[in-house]
Amino acid sequence: MNILGAIFPLKNFIERNNSQQSIFDHLQYTYSFARTCLLRGDADQCFRSLLFQSSLSYASIGKRICYYTPLPIQIIPSFVHKLIPNSLLLANLHLIEFYYLPTLIDVHKHLINISCDIIIIDGYLEYPLFKQDDLFKIISSCALLRDTYDYLKNKLHNNDLILLCSCTCSESWMANVEQRGLFDLSIHIDMLENGDYHANIYLLSKKNISCSFNFRISRNEIMPLFATIQHHNK
């Protein structure tokens, strides 16, 4: 299961949009080698729901997840309820460990001692460590996260270790992070005026190709709308 397949219901996209089969093949396979992903934009509540869905997706195939968030998750988001089998034992929820740590320093101290398959950090730059208008600290914190990920990958002998994180910083500032190649994959999500969401997906090793699609979070599911592939001049 690749990162996009864990975050978004690609199977549902294909079933609802048979005419766009080639686009969804692109979504499924072009991004299959990404291991680190940054969700960014101003749709922070959407991020939490998508990250939670990814944790359920990975748990369903037996992966162990460490989930860090500055705010406790009080209830399971309603739209993922249908992803959970009637028997909670089949959902493998025991494979998801939640950590509510007070600062980013505490997160990094904890990270270096974990053993898991998937690392999810909700609101990475929302932890009380620095002012979000400090570009240097934003870049250095993201670089530290990448270094920690590389350390864990070597320590655990796991080249398929997955890192997913989200943040709501300025687009121009996060562009500086992306230019340094600190994440394999970047997904920028905006909320549209009608309440739907628009996602732009960039594979940083292939800067001449990007993909975008619209989706809607309904009462109990993520509803795919349409997708496009964009080719950019170098």
Protein backbone atom coordinates (compact mmCIF):
# COMPACT_ATOMS: atom_id res chain seq x y z
CA MET A 1 0.00 0.00 0.00
CA ASN A 2 1.53 3.32 -1.02
CA ILE A 3 1.09 6.59 0.86
CA LEU A 4 -1.66 7.96 -1.38
CA GLY A 5 -3.57 4.69 -1.17
CA ALA A 6 -3.46 4.90 2.63
CA ILE A 7 -4.59 8.53 2.85
CA PHE A 8 -7.17 8.61 0.08
CA PRO A 9 -9.67 5.93 -1.07
CA LEU A 10 -8.14 5.41 -4.53
CA LYS A 11 -10.28 2.34 -5.14
CA ASN A 12 -13.38 4.49 -4.73
CA PHE A 13 -11.94 7.04 -7.17
CA ILE A 14 -11.55 4.35 -9.82
CA GLU A 15 -15.02 2.88 -9.26
CA ARG A 16 -16.68 6.29 -9.55
CA ASN A 17 -14.58 7.52 -12.48
CA ASN A 18 -13.91 4.63 -14.85
CA SER A 19 -13.13 7.06 -17.67
CA GLN A 20 -10.16 8.33 -15.66
CA GLN A 21 -8.52 4.93 -15.19
CA SER A 22 -5.16 6.14 -16.55
CA ILE A 23 -5.09 9.02 -14.08
CA PHE A 24 -5.73 6.72 -11.16
CA ASP A 25 -3.09 4.30 -12.39
CA HIS A 26 -0.79 7.33 -12.22
CA LEU A 27 -1.90 8.02 -8.65
CA GLN A 28 -1.41 4.40 -7.65
CA TYR A 29 1.97 3.68 -9.23
CA THR A 30 3.85 6.92 -9.89
CA TYR A 31 3.91 7.70 -6.18
CA SER A 32 4.59 4.15 -5.02
CA PHE A 33 8.23 4.85 -4.09
CA ALA A 34 7.51 7.78 -1.76
CA ARG A 35 8.24 7.03 1.90
CA THR A 36 7.97 10.49 3.47
CA CYS A 37 5.02 12.81 2.94
CA LEU A 38 4.07 16.32 4.02
CA LEU A 39 0.41 17.39 4.11
CA ARG A 40 0.25 21.17 4.12
CA GLY A 41 -2.19 24.02 3.63
CA ASP A 42 -4.85 25.68 5.76
CA ALA A 43 -7.28 22.76 6.07
CA ASP A 44 -6.03 21.54 9.44
CA GLN A 45 -9.21 19.66 10.44
CA CYS A 46 -9.11 17.87 7.10
CA PHE A 47 -5.49 16.87 7.80
CA ARG A 48 -6.42 15.21 11.07
CA SER A 49 -9.15 13.18 9.38
CA LEU A 50 -6.88 12.12 6.51
CA LEU A 51 -4.04 11.15 8.84
CA PHE A 52 -6.44 9.14 10.98
CA GLN A 53 -7.71 7.36 7.88
CA SER A 54 -4.13 6.52 6.89
CA SER A 55 -3.52 4.98 10.32
CA LEU A 56 -6.59 2.75 9.88
CA SER A 57 -5.47 1.79 6.38
CA TYR A 58 -2.04 0.71 7.56
CA ALA A 59 -3.38 -1.06 10.66
CA SER A 60 -5.73 -3.07 8.44
CA ILE A 61 -2.71 -4.69 6.76
CA GLY A 62 -0.89 -5.36 10.03
CA LYS A 63 1.41 -2.33 10.22
CA ARG A 64 2.39 -0.85 13.59
CA ILE A 65 1.71 2.88 13.86
CA CYS A 66 3.07 5.55 16.21
CA TYR A 67 0.67 8.50 16.05
CA TYR A 68 1.78 11.84 17.55
CA THR A 69 -0.62 14.72 17.99
CA PRO A 70 -0.59 17.85 20.20
CA LEU A 71 -4.37 17.55 20.74
CA PRO A 72 -6.01 14.38 22.08
CA ILE A 73 -8.35 12.58 19.69
CA GLN A 74 -11.62 12.35 21.60
CA ILE A 75 -13.69 10.47 19.02
CA ILE A 76 -13.10 8.56 15.80
CA PRO A 77 -13.91 10.88 12.84
CA SER A 78 -17.36 9.91 11.58
CA PHE A 79 -16.37 9.53 7.93
CA VAL A 80 -14.01 6.64 8.68
CA HIS A 81 -16.58 4.62 10.63
CA LYS A 82 -17.41 2.49 7.59
CA LEU A 83 -13.71 1.53 7.32
CA ILE A 84 -13.87 -0.19 10.70
CA PRO A 85 -15.20 -3.77 10.61
CA ASN A 86 -18.12 -4.73 12.85
CA SER A 87 -15.63 -6.64 14.97
CA LEU A 88 -13.09 -4.19 16.39
CA LEU A 89 -10.63 -7.07 16.65
CA LEU A 90 -10.51 -7.18 12.85
CA ALA A 91 -9.71 -3.45 12.69
CA ASN A 92 -6.32 -4.00 14.39
CA LEU A 93 -6.81 -0.81 16.39
CA HIS A 94 -4.36 -2.19 18.94
CA LEU A 95 -1.60 -1.56 16.38
CA ILE A 96 -2.13 2.22 16.63
CA GLU A 97 -0.36 3.84 19.57
CA PHE A 98 -1.22 7.48 20.31
CA TYR A 99 1.23 9.85 21.97
CA TYR A 100 0.21 13.26 23.31
CA LEU A 101 3.51 14.97 24.04
CA PRO A 102 3.76 18.63 25.09
CA THR A 103 6.62 19.88 22.88
CA LEU A 104 8.43 19.07 19.67
CA ILE A 105 11.57 18.33 21.68
CA ASP A 106 9.64 15.62 23.54
CA VAL A 107 8.43 14.19 20.24
CA HIS A 108 11.99 13.85 18.92
CA LYS A 109 13.26 12.36 22.17
CA HIS A 110 10.53 9.76 21.97
CA LEU A 111 10.99 9.09 18.25
CA ILE A 112 14.58 7.90 18.50
CA ASN A 113 13.53 5.01 20.75
CA ILE A 114 10.47 3.72 18.92
CA SER A 115 10.01 0.54 16.91
CA CYS A 116 7.21 0.71 14.35
CA ASP A 117 6.37 0.63 10.64
CA ILE A 118 4.53 3.95 10.30
CA ILE A 119 5.19 7.34 11.92
CA ILE A 120 2.35 9.88 11.83
CA ILE A 121 2.77 13.39 13.24
CA ASP A 122 -0.33 15.56 13.25
CA GLY A 123 0.40 19.30 13.31
CA TYR A 124 4.20 18.96 13.36
CA LEU A 125 4.80 22.71 13.54
CA GLU A 126 1.87 23.34 15.88
CA TYR A 127 3.83 22.01 18.87
CA PRO A 128 4.93 24.84 21.22
CA LEU A 129 8.57 25.21 20.23
CA PHE A 130 8.96 28.39 18.25
CA LYS A 131 7.15 31.22 16.55
CA GLN A 132 5.78 30.13 13.20
CA ASP A 133 7.10 33.31 11.56
CA ASP A 134 10.68 32.07 12.06
CA LEU A 135 11.61 30.55 8.69
CA PHE A 136 15.02 29.31 9.86
CA LYS A 137 13.51 27.31 12.72
CA ILE A 138 10.81 25.89 10.46
CA ILE A 139 13.42 24.63 7.98
CA SER A 140 15.77 23.36 10.70
CA SER A 141 12.94 21.52 12.48
CA CYS A 142 11.88 19.80 9.25
CA ALA A 143 15.53 18.93 8.54
CA LEU A 144 15.81 17.44 12.04
CA LEU A 145 12.72 15.34 11.36
CA ARG A 146 14.25 14.03 8.14
CA ASP A 147 17.51 13.20 9.93
CA THR A 148 15.56 11.38 12.65
CA TYR A 149 13.65 9.42 10.02
CA ASP A 150 16.89 8.39 8.27
CA TYR A 151 18.39 7.37 11.62
CA LEU A 152 15.37 5.20 12.45
CA LYS A 153 15.32 3.62 9.00
CA ASN A 154 18.91 2.48 9.50
CA LYS A 155 18.43 1.51 13.13
CA LEU A 156 15.34 -0.59 12.39
CA HIS A 157 16.76 -1.95 9.11
CA ASN A 158 13.50 -0.91 7.49
CA ASN A 159 13.78 0.80 4.11
CA ASP A 160 9.98 0.89 3.91
CA LEU A 161 9.53 2.97 7.07
CA ILE A 162 6.79 5.53 6.39
CA LEU A 163 6.68 9.10 7.73
CA LEU A 164 3.50 11.18 7.38
CA CYS A 165 3.16 14.63 8.90
CA SER A 166 0.99 17.71 8.51
CA CYS A 167 1.40 21.42 9.10
CA THR A 168 -0.49 24.64 8.45
CA CYS A 169 2.40 27.04 7.80
CA SER A 170 2.56 29.62 5.03
CA GLU A 171 2.81 28.14 1.52
CA SER A 172 5.84 30.30 0.67
CA TRP A 173 7.71 29.12 3.77
CA MET A 174 6.93 25.46 3.15
CA ALA A 175 8.12 25.90 -0.44
CA ASN A 176 11.56 26.52 1.08
CA VAL A 177 11.29 23.21 2.92
CA GLU A 178 10.30 21.38 -0.26
CA GLN A 179 13.14 22.90 -2.28
CA ARG A 180 15.55 21.20 0.11
CA GLY A 181 14.07 17.78 -0.67
CA LEU A 182 13.19 17.03 2.96
CA PHE A 183 10.09 15.04 1.94
CA ASP A 184 9.58 12.65 -0.98
CA LEU A 185 5.99 13.74 -1.47
CA SER A 186 4.15 16.98 -0.80
CA ILE A 187 0.35 17.32 -0.78
CA HIS A 188 -1.08 20.83 -0.62
CA ILE A 189 -4.76 20.89 0.36
CA ASP A 190 -7.11 23.87 0.14
CA MET A 191 -10.75 24.14 1.08
CA LEU A 192 -12.87 25.47 -1.78
CA GLU A 193 -15.71 27.96 -1.38
CA ASN A 194 -18.32 25.20 -1.74
CA GLY A 195 -16.79 23.18 1.10
CA ASP A 196 -15.03 20.63 -1.12
CA TYR A 197 -11.26 20.13 -0.98
CA HIS A 198 -8.60 20.46 -3.67
CA ALA A 199 -5.34 18.52 -3.36
CA ASN A 200 -2.19 19.20 -5.37
CA ILE A 201 0.28 16.30 -5.22
CA TYR A 202 3.97 16.79 -5.98
CA LEU A 203 6.57 14.04 -6.17
CA LEU A 204 9.72 16.03 -5.49
CA SER A 205 11.98 13.74 -7.53
CA LYS A 206 9.82 14.43 -10.62
CA LYS A 207 9.20 18.15 -10.54
CA ASN A 208 7.88 18.23 -14.10
CA ILE A 209 4.81 16.14 -13.20
CA SER A 210 2.13 16.79 -10.61
CA CYS A 211 -1.38 15.55 -10.04
CA SER A 212 -4.40 17.22 -8.51
CA PHE A 213 -7.86 16.08 -7.55
CA ASN A 214 -10.94 17.29 -5.76
CA PHE A 215 -12.68 15.38 -3.02
CA ARG A 216 -15.51 15.89 -0.57
CA ILE A 217 -15.70 14.75 3.03
CA SER A 218 -19.29 13.69 3.56
CA ARG A 219 -20.92 12.43 6.72
CA ASN A 220 -19.35 8.99 6.60
CA GLU A 221 -16.79 8.84 3.78
CA ILE A 222 -14.34 10.66 1.54
CA MET A 223 -16.10 11.11 -1.79
CA PRO A 224 -13.83 11.39 -4.87
CA LEU A 225 -14.81 13.95 -7.51
CA PHE A 226 -12.25 14.26 -10.33
CA ALA A 227 -8.52 14.27 -10.97
CA THR A 228 -6.04 15.72 -13.48
CA ILE A 229 -2.37 15.15 -14.32
CA GLN A 230 -0.30 18.26 -14.97
CA HIS A 231 2.95 18.36 -16.97
CA HIS A 232 5.18 21.35 -16.31
CA ASN A 233 7.96 22.75 -18.47
CA LYS A 234 11.38 22.39 -16.87
